[in-house]
Amino acid sequence: DIHRMYRTLSQDFSEKPFEEVVRNCRDLTKKYFSCTPVLFQMGILYLNHCGLAGTKEQTAALIEEAMALFERVKEESGDIGLASQAVNMEALCLLQLGRPQEVLELLNACEITRLTPEPLLARAWQMVGNPNEAKSILQASIYHTLLELLNLMLPYQELCADHKTAYEETYRRIEAISHIFQLDSLHPGIRMNICLSSTRGFLHQGDPETALDILEKYAALAACDFAQMRLHGDTYFDLLDDWLEKNLVLGRDLPREESVIRSSMLQAVADDPDFSQLLDHDRFRMILHKLKAAQDSGRQN
């Protein structure tokens, strides 16, 4: 039911006036105010669509609303995992609102522990005669850990932007991981984030040609069949699709509709002030043209 509600509201954000959809969201939030899983997903919905607000003030106001929902989930949920996710999302809201000191206070107050029960779960399933379930759990854990690793390496790469050798070595290792796990097809979304971050880094180092090479990869990924953007496995992660459908609230679906995502792909390049130095390059104008074509394709679909 939460999945269906989220999908309906996400579709509404792509088709209806922003304020009308937000009012509907607020009504649903009041109706299900005692259901923390609903409140958590409503906060996620707000964050994924706050960029559609007309002004910076409206965007900030919606982020504040999302943060209040995450705070309630943190305080009221009896699910430790959900409460932990809510803390992380609250921290993300604070960062987007430009309040880093509060992020430090929030996260420093949390005990950071990394438990990995999946090998024990897998062994238990194997012992009760279900090796397929054991493989499924380990595949999901490998996949999740892979994405976690890249989400750690990307901000580290950005911090190394003033140190050419460290930056290039971090970039090389990220690319090696991406190649080994075939992320261009397995998870184009995170590959696109890597491309944007790396483009900024090489521009910072005064290497626009390499930056444009990477940005062309971004444009190629943006033009891919949108079905590839959904969470999915491959020939190696051959049990992942079923695991995602069974264990994630949204299953394999994306948190925003295609037209909204395609538009954000263009905006991420066209509106980034770091890329303004590329405006006189023919290659950059061609990249923008390809992204605009992808955006138009999303609107037609």
C-alpha atoms as a PDB file:
ATOM      1  CA  ASP A   1       0.000   0.000   0.000  1.00  0.00           C
ATOM      2  CA  ILE A   2       2.855   2.397   0.801  1.00  0.00           C
ATOM      3  CA  HIS A   3       4.458   1.500  -2.535  1.00  0.00           C
ATOM      4  CA  ARG A   4       1.261   2.292  -4.428  1.00  0.00           C
ATOM      5  CA  MET A   5       0.770   5.546  -2.537  1.00  0.00           C
ATOM      6  CA  TYR A   6       4.345   6.649  -3.257  1.00  0.00           C
ATOM      7  CA  ARG A   7       4.064   5.783  -6.962  1.00  0.00           C
ATOM      8  CA  THR A   8       0.792   7.700  -7.293  1.00  0.00           C
ATOM      9  CA  LEU A   9       2.179  10.799  -5.594  1.00  0.00           C
ATOM     10  CA  SER A  10       5.407  10.624  -7.579  1.00  0.00           C
ATOM     11  CA  GLN A  11       3.365  10.520 -10.789  1.00  0.00           C
ATOM     12  CA  ASP A  12       1.293  13.461  -9.530  1.00  0.00           C
ATOM     13  CA  PHE A  13       4.445  15.531  -8.961  1.00  0.00           C
ATOM     14  CA  SER A  14       5.361  15.028 -12.618  1.00  0.00           C
ATOM     15  CA  GLU A  15       1.916  16.001 -13.920  1.00  0.00           C
ATOM     16  CA  LYS A  16       0.042  18.257 -11.483  1.00  0.00           C
ATOM     17  CA  PRO A  17       0.721  21.671  -9.877  1.00  0.00           C
ATOM     18  CA  PHE A  18       3.338  21.393  -7.140  1.00  0.00           C
ATOM     19  CA  GLU A  19       1.274  23.021  -4.383  1.00  0.00           C
ATOM     20  CA  GLU A  20      -1.727  20.807  -5.107  1.00  0.00           C
ATOM     21  CA  VAL A  21       0.343  17.645  -4.722  1.00  0.00           C
ATOM     22  CA  VAL A  22       2.007  18.915  -1.551  1.00  0.00           C
ATOM     23  CA  ARG A  23      -1.410  19.637  -0.021  1.00  0.00           C
ATOM     24  CA  ASN A  24      -2.472  16.081  -0.827  1.00  0.00           C
ATOM     25  CA  CYS A  25       0.734  14.764   0.746  1.00  0.00           C
ATOM     26  CA  ARG A  26       0.061  16.755   3.925  1.00  0.00           C
ATOM     27  CA  ASP A  27      -3.462  15.344   4.140  1.00  0.00           C
ATOM     28  CA  LEU A  28      -2.096  11.795   3.858  1.00  0.00           C
ATOM     29  CA  THR A  29       0.573  12.543   6.437  1.00  0.00           C
ATOM     30  CA  LYS A  30      -2.097  13.655   8.916  1.00  0.00           C
ATOM     31  CA  LYS A  31      -4.179  10.581   8.153  1.00  0.00           C
ATOM     32  CA  TYR A  32      -1.292   8.168   8.769  1.00  0.00           C
ATOM     33  CA  PHE A  33       0.588  10.166  11.403  1.00  0.00           C
ATOM     34  CA  SER A  34       0.893   7.132  13.682  1.00  0.00           C
ATOM     35  CA  CYS A  35       2.443   4.951  10.951  1.00  0.00           C
ATOM     36  CA  THR A  36       6.184   5.620  10.922  1.00  0.00           C
ATOM     37  CA  PRO A  37       6.921   3.669   7.698  1.00  0.00           C
ATOM     38  CA  VAL A  38       4.461   5.947   5.875  1.00  0.00           C
ATOM     39  CA  LEU A  39       6.021   9.065   7.425  1.00  0.00           C
ATOM     40  CA  PHE A  40       9.506   7.916   6.427  1.00  0.00           C
ATOM     41  CA  GLN A  41       8.524   7.364   2.791  1.00  0.00           C
ATOM     42  CA  MET A  42       6.673  10.698   2.737  1.00  0.00           C
ATOM     43  CA  GLY A  43       9.867  12.395   3.881  1.00  0.00           C
ATOM     44  CA  ILE A  44      11.776  10.606   1.100  1.00  0.00           C
ATOM     45  CA  LEU A  45       9.108  11.732  -1.383  1.00  0.00           C
ATOM     46  CA  TYR A  46       9.518  15.359  -0.268  1.00  0.00           C
ATOM     47  CA  LEU A  47      13.305  15.243  -0.646  1.00  0.00           C
ATOM     48  CA  ASN A  48      13.117  13.654  -4.083  1.00  0.00           C
ATOM     49  CA  HIS A  49      10.739  16.315  -5.371  1.00  0.00           C
ATOM     50  CA  CYS A  50      11.666  19.484  -3.461  1.00  0.00           C
ATOM     51  CA  GLY A  51      13.582  20.650  -6.532  1.00  0.00           C
ATOM     52  CA  LEU A  52      10.240  21.176  -8.271  1.00  0.00           C
ATOM     53  CA  ALA A  53       9.313  23.951  -5.824  1.00  0.00           C
ATOM     54  CA  GLY A  54       9.170  27.381  -7.376  1.00  0.00           C
ATOM     55  CA  THR A  55      11.612  29.187  -5.081  1.00  0.00           C
ATOM     56  CA  LYS A  56      14.527  28.479  -2.754  1.00  0.00           C
ATOM     57  CA  GLU A  57      12.293  29.402   0.165  1.00  0.00           C
ATOM     58  CA  GLN A  58       9.668  26.827  -0.858  1.00  0.00           C
ATOM     59  CA  THR A  59      12.369  24.203  -1.354  1.00  0.00           C
ATOM     60  CA  ALA A  60      13.803  24.873   2.107  1.00  0.00           C
ATOM     61  CA  ALA A  61      10.328  24.764   3.654  1.00  0.00           C
ATOM     62  CA  LEU A  62       9.652  21.322   2.163  1.00  0.00           C
ATOM     63  CA  ILE A  63      13.026  20.040   3.376  1.00  0.00           C
ATOM     64  CA  GLU A  64      12.102  21.300   6.849  1.00  0.00           C
ATOM     65  CA  GLU A  65       8.839  19.354   6.638  1.00  0.00           C
ATOM     66  CA  ALA A  66      10.708  16.228   5.580  1.00  0.00           C
ATOM     67  CA  MET A  67      13.130  16.652   8.480  1.00  0.00           C
ATOM     68  CA  ALA A  68      10.281  16.928  10.959  1.00  0.00           C
ATOM     69  CA  LEU A  69       8.899  13.639   9.645  1.00  0.00           C
ATOM     70  CA  PHE A  70      12.277  11.927  10.004  1.00  0.00           C
ATOM     71  CA  GLU A  71      12.582  13.247  13.547  1.00  0.00           C
ATOM     72  CA  ARG A  72       9.199  11.737  14.429  1.00  0.00           C
ATOM     73  CA  VAL A  73      10.202   8.398  12.889  1.00  0.00           C
ATOM     74  CA  LYS A  74      13.437   8.470  14.892  1.00  0.00           C
ATOM     75  CA  GLU A  75      11.567   9.112  18.129  1.00  0.00           C
ATOM     76  CA  GLU A  76       8.464   6.955  17.631  1.00  0.00           C
ATOM     77  CA  SER A  77       9.508   3.968  15.553  1.00  0.00           C
ATOM     78  CA  GLY A  78      10.116   0.704  17.355  1.00  0.00           C
ATOM     79  CA  ASP A  79      12.085  -0.521  14.348  1.00  0.00           C
ATOM     80  CA  ILE A  80      15.793   0.045  15.046  1.00  0.00           C
ATOM     81  CA  GLY A  81      16.697  -0.145  11.379  1.00  0.00           C
ATOM     82  CA  LEU A  82      14.068   2.383  10.337  1.00  0.00           C
ATOM     83  CA  ALA A  83      15.035   4.740  13.168  1.00  0.00           C
ATOM     84  CA  SER A  84      18.684   4.540  12.076  1.00  0.00           C
ATOM     85  CA  GLN A  85      17.741   5.382   8.493  1.00  0.00           C
ATOM     86  CA  ALA A  86      15.684   8.301   9.777  1.00  0.00           C
ATOM     87  CA  VAL A  87      18.732   9.712  11.602  1.00  0.00           C
ATOM     88  CA  ASN A  88      20.753   9.611   8.370  1.00  0.00           C
ATOM     89  CA  MET A  89      17.964  11.294   6.433  1.00  0.00           C
ATOM     90  CA  GLU A  90      17.647  13.968   9.126  1.00  0.00           C
ATOM     91  CA  ALA A  91      21.366  14.636   8.720  1.00  0.00           C
ATOM     92  CA  LEU A  92      20.931  14.906   4.946  1.00  0.00           C
ATOM     93  CA  CYS A  93      18.169  17.479   5.448  1.00  0.00           C
ATOM     94  CA  LEU A  94      20.406  19.520   7.735  1.00  0.00           C
ATOM     95  CA  LEU A  95      23.193  19.499   5.148  1.00  0.00           C
ATOM     96  CA  GLN A  96      20.822  20.641   2.415  1.00  0.00           C
ATOM     97  CA  LEU A  97      19.657  23.448   4.705  1.00  0.00           C
ATOM     98  CA  GLY A  98      23.264  24.553   5.264  1.00  0.00           C
ATOM     99  CA  ARG A  99      23.467  23.536   8.935  1.00  0.00           C
ATOM    100  CA  PRO A 100      26.618  21.364   9.145  1.00  0.00           C
ATOM    101  CA  GLN A 101      27.265  21.965  12.858  1.00  0.00           C
ATOM    102  CA  GLU A 102      23.941  20.322  13.687  1.00  0.00           C
ATOM    103  CA  VAL A 103      24.906  17.338  11.519  1.00  0.00           C
ATOM    104  CA  LEU A 104      28.076  16.899  13.565  1.00  0.00           C
ATOM    105  CA  GLU A 105      26.113  17.074  16.789  1.00  0.00           C
ATOM    106  CA  LEU A 106      23.485  14.620  15.526  1.00  0.00           C
ATOM    107  CA  LEU A 107      25.828  12.003  14.120  1.00  0.00           C
ATOM    108  CA  ASN A 108      28.518  12.306  16.788  1.00  0.00           C
ATOM    109  CA  ALA A 109      25.826  11.412  19.290  1.00  0.00           C
ATOM    110  CA  CYS A 110      25.212   8.123  17.478  1.00  0.00           C
ATOM    111  CA  GLU A 111      27.260   5.056  18.166  1.00  0.00           C
ATOM    112  CA  ILE A 112      28.606   4.008  14.777  1.00  0.00           C
ATOM    113  CA  THR A 113      28.803   0.230  14.586  1.00  0.00           C
ATOM    114  CA  ARG A 114      29.060  -1.908  11.483  1.00  0.00           C
ATOM    115  CA  LEU A 115      27.641  -5.346  12.064  1.00  0.00           C
ATOM    116  CA  THR A 116      27.505  -7.828   9.200  1.00  0.00           C
ATOM    117  CA  PRO A 117      25.016 -10.565  10.078  1.00  0.00           C
ATOM    118  CA  GLU A 118      24.626 -11.682   6.456  1.00  0.00           C
ATOM    119  CA  PRO A 119      27.346 -14.395   6.574  1.00  0.00           C
ATOM    120  CA  LEU A 120      25.666 -15.858   9.661  1.00  0.00           C
ATOM    121  CA  LEU A 121      22.234 -15.685   8.041  1.00  0.00           C
ATOM    122  CA  ALA A 122      23.559 -17.300   4.895  1.00  0.00           C
ATOM    123  CA  ARG A 123      25.195 -20.092   6.869  1.00  0.00           C
ATOM    124  CA  ALA A 124      21.962 -20.696   8.794  1.00  0.00           C
ATOM    125  CA  TRP A 125      19.908 -20.910   5.583  1.00  0.00           C
ATOM    126  CA  GLN A 126      22.469 -23.309   4.156  1.00  0.00           C
ATOM    127  CA  MET A 127      22.264 -25.513   7.261  1.00  0.00           C
ATOM    128  CA  VAL A 128      18.459 -25.751   7.037  1.00  0.00           C
ATOM    129  CA  GLY A 129      18.728 -26.833   3.408  1.00  0.00           C
ATOM    130  CA  ASN A 130      18.047 -23.590   1.515  1.00  0.00           C
ATOM    131  CA  PRO A 131      21.293 -22.606  -0.271  1.00  0.00           C
ATOM    132  CA  ASN A 132      19.396 -20.404  -2.748  1.00  0.00           C
ATOM    133  CA  GLU A 133      18.215 -18.113   0.058  1.00  0.00           C
ATOM    134  CA  ALA A 134      21.776 -18.024   1.397  1.00  0.00           C
ATOM    135  CA  LYS A 135      23.082 -16.920  -2.010  1.00  0.00           C
ATOM    136  CA  SER A 136      20.332 -14.302  -2.318  1.00  0.00           C
ATOM    137  CA  ILE A 137      21.226 -12.738   1.041  1.00  0.00           C
ATOM    138  CA  LEU A 138      24.940 -12.619   0.203  1.00  0.00           C
ATOM    139  CA  GLN A 139      24.324 -11.180  -3.260  1.00  0.00           C
ATOM    140  CA  ALA A 140      22.211  -8.403  -1.751  1.00  0.00           C
ATOM    141  CA  SER A 141      24.884  -7.692   0.861  1.00  0.00           C
ATOM    142  CA  ILE A 142      27.686  -7.587  -1.730  1.00  0.00           C
ATOM    143  CA  TYR A 143      25.614  -5.227  -3.881  1.00  0.00           C
ATOM    144  CA  HIS A 144      24.809  -2.961  -0.928  1.00  0.00           C
ATOM    145  CA  THR A 145      28.423  -2.934   0.278  1.00  0.00           C
ATOM    146  CA  LEU A 146      29.624  -2.093  -3.246  1.00  0.00           C
ATOM    147  CA  LEU A 147      27.360   0.971  -3.340  1.00  0.00           C
ATOM    148  CA  GLU A 148      28.436   1.935   0.187  1.00  0.00           C
ATOM    149  CA  LEU A 149      32.098   1.731  -0.834  1.00  0.00           C
ATOM    150  CA  LEU A 150      31.549   4.013  -3.818  1.00  0.00           C
ATOM    151  CA  ASN A 151      29.534   6.439  -1.689  1.00  0.00           C
ATOM    152  CA  LEU A 152      32.551   6.641   0.625  1.00  0.00           C
ATOM    153  CA  MET A 153      35.094   7.002  -2.177  1.00  0.00           C
ATOM    154  CA  LEU A 154      33.267   9.804  -3.984  1.00  0.00           C
ATOM    155  CA  PRO A 155      33.465  12.382  -1.158  1.00  0.00           C
ATOM    156  CA  TYR A 156      37.044  11.251  -0.487  1.00  0.00           C
ATOM    157  CA  GLN A 157      37.860  11.874  -4.137  1.00  0.00           C
ATOM    158  CA  GLU A 158      36.383  15.371  -3.856  1.00  0.00           C
ATOM    159  CA  LEU A 159      38.516  16.087  -0.782  1.00  0.00           C
ATOM    160  CA  CYS A 160      41.605  15.075  -2.775  1.00  0.00           C
ATOM    161  CA  ALA A 161      40.912  17.594  -5.554  1.00  0.00           C
ATOM    162  CA  ASP A 162      43.841  19.786  -4.401  1.00  0.00           C
ATOM    163  CA  HIS A 163      46.251  16.844  -4.454  1.00  0.00           C
ATOM    164  CA  LYS A 164      46.676  15.727  -8.082  1.00  0.00           C
ATOM    165  CA  THR A 165      48.312  12.360  -7.398  1.00  0.00           C
ATOM    166  CA  ALA A 166      45.833  11.309  -4.707  1.00  0.00           C
ATOM    167  CA  TYR A 167      42.898  12.508  -6.804  1.00  0.00           C
ATOM    168  CA  GLU A 168      43.938  10.622  -9.925  1.00  0.00           C
ATOM    169  CA  GLU A 169      44.673   7.443  -7.970  1.00  0.00           C
ATOM    170  CA  THR A 170      41.274   7.581  -6.257  1.00  0.00           C
ATOM    171  CA  TYR A 171      39.633   8.141  -9.636  1.00  0.00           C
ATOM    172  CA  ARG A 172      41.567   5.185 -11.098  1.00  0.00           C
ATOM    173  CA  ARG A 173      40.409   2.896  -8.300  1.00  0.00           C
ATOM    174  CA  ILE A 174      36.791   4.015  -8.597  1.00  0.00           C
ATOM    175  CA  GLU A 175      36.926   3.350 -12.327  1.00  0.00           C
ATOM    176  CA  ALA A 176      38.476  -0.081 -11.733  1.00  0.00           C
ATOM    177  CA  ILE A 177      35.691  -1.037  -9.318  1.00  0.00           C
ATOM    178  CA  SER A 178      33.089   0.279 -11.751  1.00  0.00           C
ATOM    179  CA  HIS A 179      34.580  -1.772 -14.588  1.00  0.00           C
ATOM    180  CA  ILE A 180      34.861  -4.992 -12.570  1.00  0.00           C
ATOM    181  CA  PHE A 181      31.226  -4.813 -11.454  1.00  0.00           C
ATOM    182  CA  GLN A 182      29.988  -3.489 -14.835  1.00  0.00           C
ATOM    183  CA  LEU A 183      28.265  -0.530 -13.214  1.00  0.00           C
ATOM    184  CA  ASP A 184      27.464   1.179 -16.521  1.00  0.00           C
ATOM    185  CA  SER A 185      24.730  -1.411 -16.979  1.00  0.00           C
ATOM    186  CA  LEU A 186      24.244  -2.601 -13.368  1.00  0.00           C
ATOM    187  CA  HIS A 187      23.709   0.850 -11.825  1.00  0.00           C
ATOM    188  CA  PRO A 188      23.866   3.763 -14.312  1.00  0.00           C
ATOM    189  CA  GLY A 189      22.664   6.188 -11.642  1.00  0.00           C
ATOM    190  CA  ILE A 190      25.722   5.888  -9.427  1.00  0.00           C
ATOM    191  CA  ARG A 191      27.958   5.923 -12.503  1.00  0.00           C
ATOM    192  CA  MET A 192      26.438   9.264 -13.466  1.00  0.00           C
ATOM    193  CA  ASN A 193      27.164  10.639  -9.987  1.00  0.00           C
ATOM    194  CA  ILE A 194      30.768   9.472 -10.392  1.00  0.00           C
ATOM    195  CA  CYS A 195      30.980  11.245 -13.749  1.00  0.00           C
ATOM    196  CA  LEU A 196      29.688  14.557 -12.370  1.00  0.00           C
ATOM    197  CA  SER A 197      32.020  14.480  -9.381  1.00  0.00           C
ATOM    198  CA  SER A 198      35.030  13.519 -11.514  1.00  0.00           C
ATOM    199  CA  THR A 199      34.266  16.215 -14.085  1.00  0.00           C
ATOM    200  CA  ARG A 200      34.369  18.870 -11.365  1.00  0.00           C
ATOM    201  CA  GLY A 201      37.630  17.477 -10.016  1.00  0.00           C
ATOM    202  CA  PHE A 202      39.463  17.529 -13.327  1.00  0.00           C
ATOM    203  CA  LEU A 203      38.184  21.026 -14.059  1.00  0.00           C
ATOM    204  CA  HIS A 204      39.530  22.087 -10.669  1.00  0.00           C
ATOM    205  CA  GLN A 205      42.906  20.711 -11.750  1.00  0.00           C
ATOM    206  CA  GLY A 206      42.810  22.651 -15.015  1.00  0.00           C
ATOM    207  CA  ASP A 207      42.209  19.638 -17.276  1.00  0.00           C
ATOM    208  CA  PRO A 208      39.068  20.475 -19.312  1.00  0.00           C
ATOM    209  CA  GLU A 209      39.716  17.831 -21.980  1.00  0.00           C
ATOM    210  CA  THR A 210      39.617  14.968 -19.488  1.00  0.00           C
ATOM    211  CA  ALA A 211      36.610  16.609 -17.851  1.00  0.00           C
ATOM    212  CA  LEU A 212      34.798  16.674 -21.207  1.00  0.00           C
ATOM    213  CA  ASP A 213      35.720  13.027 -21.862  1.00  0.00           C
ATOM    214  CA  ILE A 214      34.039  12.087 -18.584  1.00  0.00           C
ATOM    215  CA  LEU A 215      31.038  14.346 -19.212  1.00  0.00           C
ATOM    216  CA  GLU A 216      30.493  12.624 -22.560  1.00  0.00           C
ATOM    217  CA  LYS A 217      30.234   9.323 -20.662  1.00  0.00           C
ATOM    218  CA  TYR A 218      27.606  10.984 -18.478  1.00  0.00           C
ATOM    219  CA  ALA A 219      25.576  12.039 -21.534  1.00  0.00           C
ATOM    220  CA  ALA A 220      25.780   8.523 -22.964  1.00  0.00           C
ATOM    221  CA  LEU A 221      24.515   7.044 -19.697  1.00  0.00           C
ATOM    222  CA  ALA A 222      21.698   9.611 -19.565  1.00  0.00           C
ATOM    223  CA  ALA A 223      20.520   8.502 -23.001  1.00  0.00           C
ATOM    224  CA  CYS A 224      20.208   4.833 -22.016  1.00  0.00           C
ATOM    225  CA  ASP A 225      16.919   2.942 -21.961  1.00  0.00           C
ATOM    226  CA  PHE A 226      15.138   4.161 -18.852  1.00  0.00           C
ATOM    227  CA  ALA A 227      14.402   0.592 -17.776  1.00  0.00           C
ATOM    228  CA  GLN A 228      18.122   0.266 -17.041  1.00  0.00           C
ATOM    229  CA  MET A 229      17.809   2.979 -14.416  1.00  0.00           C
ATOM    230  CA  ARG A 230      15.611   0.781 -12.240  1.00  0.00           C
ATOM    231  CA  LEU A 231      17.415  -1.235  -9.587  1.00  0.00           C
ATOM    232  CA  HIS A 232      18.291  -4.612 -11.040  1.00  0.00           C
ATOM    233  CA  GLY A 233      20.754  -7.457 -11.018  1.00  0.00           C
ATOM    234  CA  ASP A 234      22.708  -9.003 -13.861  1.00  0.00           C
ATOM    235  CA  THR A 235      24.229 -12.361 -14.755  1.00  0.00           C
ATOM    236  CA  TYR A 236      26.399 -12.215 -11.624  1.00  0.00           C
ATOM    237  CA  PHE A 237      23.722 -10.810  -9.276  1.00  0.00           C
ATOM    238  CA  ASP A 238      21.174 -13.251 -10.695  1.00  0.00           C
ATOM    239  CA  LEU A 239      19.058 -13.450  -7.507  1.00  0.00           C
ATOM    240  CA  LEU A 240      19.039  -9.722  -6.767  1.00  0.00           C
ATOM    241  CA  ASP A 241      15.825  -8.751  -8.575  1.00  0.00           C
ATOM    242  CA  ASP A 242      13.650 -10.975  -6.408  1.00  0.00           C
ATOM    243  CA  TRP A 243      15.418  -9.811  -3.243  1.00  0.00           C
ATOM    244  CA  LEU A 244      14.855  -6.145  -4.124  1.00  0.00           C
ATOM    245  CA  GLU A 245      11.161  -6.697  -4.822  1.00  0.00           C
ATOM    246  CA  LYS A 246      10.640  -8.533  -1.544  1.00  0.00           C
ATOM    247  CA  ASN A 247      12.718  -6.340   0.767  1.00  0.00           C
ATOM    248  CA  LEU A 248      12.481  -2.713  -0.424  1.00  0.00           C
ATOM    249  CA  VAL A 249       9.328  -0.661   0.057  1.00  0.00           C
ATOM    250  CA  LEU A 250       9.520   0.621  -3.520  1.00  0.00           C
ATOM    251  CA  GLY A 251      10.847  -2.661  -4.858  1.00  0.00           C
ATOM    252  CA  ARG A 252      12.969  -2.002  -7.918  1.00  0.00           C
ATOM    253  CA  ASP A 253      11.125   1.211  -8.821  1.00  0.00           C
ATOM    254  CA  LEU A 254      12.843   4.581  -8.915  1.00  0.00           C
ATOM    255  CA  PRO A 255      11.839   7.311  -6.427  1.00  0.00           C
ATOM    256  CA  ARG A 256      10.879   9.779  -9.190  1.00  0.00           C
ATOM    257  CA  GLU A 257       9.089   9.575 -12.528  1.00  0.00           C
ATOM    258  CA  GLU A 258      11.081   9.424 -15.766  1.00  0.00           C
ATOM    259  CA  SER A 259      10.305  12.987 -16.907  1.00  0.00           C
ATOM    260  CA  VAL A 260      11.472  14.407 -13.553  1.00  0.00           C
ATOM    261  CA  ILE A 261      14.667  12.340 -13.582  1.00  0.00           C
ATOM    262  CA  ARG A 262      15.491  13.201 -17.208  1.00  0.00           C
ATOM    263  CA  SER A 263      15.065  16.908 -16.433  1.00  0.00           C
ATOM    264  CA  SER A 264      17.340  16.642 -13.401  1.00  0.00           C
ATOM    265  CA  MET A 265      20.020  14.988 -15.561  1.00  0.00           C
ATOM    266  CA  LEU A 266      20.090  18.056 -17.796  1.00  0.00           C
ATOM    267  CA  GLN A 267      19.907  20.529 -14.912  1.00  0.00           C
ATOM    268  CA  ALA A 268      22.817  18.823 -13.133  1.00  0.00           C
ATOM    269  CA  VAL A 269      25.061  19.883 -16.032  1.00  0.00           C
ATOM    270  CA  ALA A 270      23.421  23.018 -17.418  1.00  0.00           C
ATOM    271  CA  ASP A 271      22.956  24.692 -14.025  1.00  0.00           C
ATOM    272  CA  ASP A 272      26.262  23.724 -12.412  1.00  0.00           C
ATOM    273  CA  PRO A 273      28.402  26.877 -12.047  1.00  0.00           C
ATOM    274  CA  ASP A 274      31.564  24.748 -12.066  1.00  0.00           C
ATOM    275  CA  PHE A 275      30.827  23.834 -15.686  1.00  0.00           C
ATOM    276  CA  SER A 276      30.402  27.414 -16.899  1.00  0.00           C
ATOM    277  CA  GLN A 277      34.034  27.465 -18.054  1.00  0.00           C
ATOM    278  CA  LEU A 278      33.096  24.842 -20.652  1.00  0.00           C
ATOM    279  CA  LEU A 279      30.389  26.930 -22.332  1.00  0.00           C
ATOM    280  CA  ASP A 280      32.674  27.903 -25.247  1.00  0.00           C
ATOM    281  CA  HIS A 281      33.556  24.277 -26.056  1.00  0.00           C
ATOM    282  CA  ASP A 282      31.716  22.653 -28.958  1.00  0.00           C
ATOM    283  CA  ARG A 283      31.872  19.298 -27.159  1.00  0.00           C
ATOM    284  CA  PHE A 284      30.078  20.766 -24.148  1.00  0.00           C
ATOM    285  CA  ARG A 285      27.318  22.229 -26.310  1.00  0.00           C
ATOM    286  CA  MET A 286      26.879  18.811 -27.941  1.00  0.00           C
ATOM    287  CA  ILE A 287      26.622  17.207 -24.496  1.00  0.00           C
ATOM    288  CA  LEU A 288      23.872  19.660 -23.536  1.00  0.00           C
ATOM    289  CA  HIS A 289      22.107  18.878 -26.823  1.00  0.00           C
ATOM    290  CA  LYS A 290      22.164  15.134 -26.051  1.00  0.00           C
ATOM    291  CA  LEU A 291      20.852  15.728 -22.536  1.00  0.00           C
ATOM    292  CA  LYS A 292      18.076  17.964 -23.875  1.00  0.00           C
ATOM    293  CA  ALA A 293      17.099  15.211 -26.316  1.00  0.00           C
ATOM    294  CA  ALA A 294      16.990  12.701 -23.461  1.00  0.00           C
ATOM    295  CA  GLN A 295      14.818  15.110 -21.457  1.00  0.00           C
ATOM    296  CA  ASP A 296      12.388  15.503 -24.355  1.00  0.00           C
ATOM    297  CA  SER A 297      12.245  11.732 -24.729  1.00  0.00           C
ATOM    298  CA  GLY A 298      11.310  11.381 -21.050  1.00  0.00           C
ATOM    299  CA  ARG A 299       8.503  13.907 -21.396  1.00  0.00           C
ATOM    300  CA  GLN A 300       7.073  12.035 -24.389  1.00  0.00           C
ATOM    301  CA  ASN A 301       7.130   8.766 -22.459  1.00  0.00           C
END
